[in-house]
Protein backbone atom coordinates (compact mmCIF):
# COMPACT_ATOMS: atom_id res chain seq x y z
CA MET A 1 11.41 145.54 -57.87
CA VAL A 2 10.02 142.01 -58.06
CA TYR A 3 10.46 139.90 -61.18
CA THR A 4 8.08 137.10 -62.00
CA GLY A 5 9.38 133.73 -63.07
CA ALA A 6 8.04 134.18 -66.60
CA ILE A 7 10.02 137.34 -67.18
CA CYS A 8 13.21 135.98 -65.65
CA GLY A 9 12.87 132.68 -67.48
CA CYS A 10 12.46 134.42 -70.82
CA MET A 11 15.47 136.65 -70.30
CA THR A 12 17.57 133.77 -69.04
CA THR A 13 16.62 131.55 -71.96
CA GLN A 14 17.60 134.25 -74.45
CA SER A 15 20.95 134.82 -72.76
CA TYR A 16 21.69 131.07 -72.94
CA ARG A 17 20.73 131.07 -76.61
CA ASP A 18 23.10 133.98 -77.17
CA MET A 19 25.91 132.15 -75.37
CA ALA A 20 25.27 129.01 -77.40
CA GLN A 21 25.36 131.03 -80.62
CA ARG A 22 28.67 132.59 -79.60
CA LEU A 23 30.12 129.12 -78.97
CA VAL A 24 29.00 128.06 -82.44
CA ASN A 25 30.59 131.22 -83.84
CA ALA A 26 33.87 130.39 -82.07
CA GLU A 27 33.81 126.84 -83.47
CA ASN A 28 33.10 128.10 -86.98
CA SER A 29 35.86 130.67 -86.68
CA PHE A 30 38.41 128.01 -85.71
CA ILE A 31 37.27 125.63 -88.44
CA GLU A 32 37.46 128.38 -91.07
CA CYS A 33 40.92 129.42 -89.86
CA VAL A 34 42.21 125.84 -90.09
CA ARG A 35 40.62 125.23 -93.49
CA ARG A 36 41.99 128.47 -94.91
CA ASP A 37 45.53 127.95 -93.61
CA THR A 38 45.92 124.22 -94.26
CA GLY A 39 43.42 123.20 -96.90
CA PHE A 40 41.86 120.61 -94.57
CA THR A 41 38.31 119.47 -95.15
CA GLN A 42 35.49 120.44 -92.81
CA ALA A 43 35.63 117.04 -91.09
CA GLN A 44 39.40 117.20 -90.65
CA ALA A 45 39.20 120.69 -89.12
CA GLU A 46 36.49 119.50 -86.73
CA THR A 47 38.68 116.55 -85.75
CA VAL A 48 41.59 118.87 -84.96
CA MET A 49 39.28 121.13 -82.94
CA ALA A 50 38.00 118.18 -80.90
CA TYR A 51 41.58 117.01 -80.32
CA PHE A 52 42.70 120.47 -79.17
CA ILE A 53 39.74 120.84 -76.80
CA LYS A 54 40.18 117.32 -75.38
CA HIS A 55 43.86 117.96 -74.64
CA LYS A 56 43.17 121.48 -73.35
CA LEU A 57 45.23 123.16 -76.05
CA MET A 58 42.31 125.40 -77.01
CA LYS A 59 39.31 127.02 -75.33
CA LEU A 60 36.09 128.32 -76.80
CA ASN A 61 34.83 131.47 -75.09
CA ALA A 62 31.07 131.90 -74.81
CA ASN A 63 31.42 135.51 -73.69
CA ASP A 64 33.04 136.93 -76.79
CA GLY A 65 32.60 134.13 -79.33
CA GLN A 66 36.32 133.60 -79.90
CA PHE A 67 38.69 130.65 -79.66
CA TYR A 68 41.96 130.81 -77.79
CA VAL A 69 44.91 128.46 -78.23
CA LYS A 70 47.54 128.03 -75.53
CA HIS A 71 50.29 129.11 -77.92
CA GLY A 72 50.21 130.61 -81.38
CA ALA A 73 52.47 127.85 -82.67
CA PHE A 74 49.52 125.45 -82.38
CA LEU A 75 48.01 127.14 -85.43
CA GLU A 76 50.97 126.37 -87.69
CA ARG A 77 50.37 123.98 -90.55
CA ASP A 78 52.75 121.23 -89.42
CA VAL A 79 51.37 121.24 -85.87
CA LEU A 80 47.79 121.03 -87.15
CA THR A 81 48.77 118.18 -89.45
CA ARG A 82 50.41 116.28 -86.58
CA ALA A 83 47.36 116.88 -84.38
CA LEU A 84 45.14 115.47 -87.12
CA LYS A 85 47.30 112.36 -87.41
CA GLN A 86 47.28 111.91 -83.62
CA ALA A 87 43.50 112.31 -83.50
CA GLU A 88 43.02 109.78 -86.28
CA GLY A 89 45.41 107.36 -84.61
CA LYS A 90 47.93 107.37 -87.48
CA ALA A 91 50.91 108.73 -85.57
């Protein structure tokens, strides 16, 4: 079976859109988890997420739309607070 470029391009574009949406879902899931558990603001939770990703303490998975931390202890309140201080340069 031969596929034309138009058909393949359309299917490929949609799959990339789906992957991008799953990454957004993973980000939102992490931010909501941090906000719920710590009471951080949206901006503070995003700062912690950026810090975790930069230091490879967390990964966002585009296949299943989930976030994964290297260790569950990274989601404890005191660790998140310290990460926020480090990210803001206040440590």
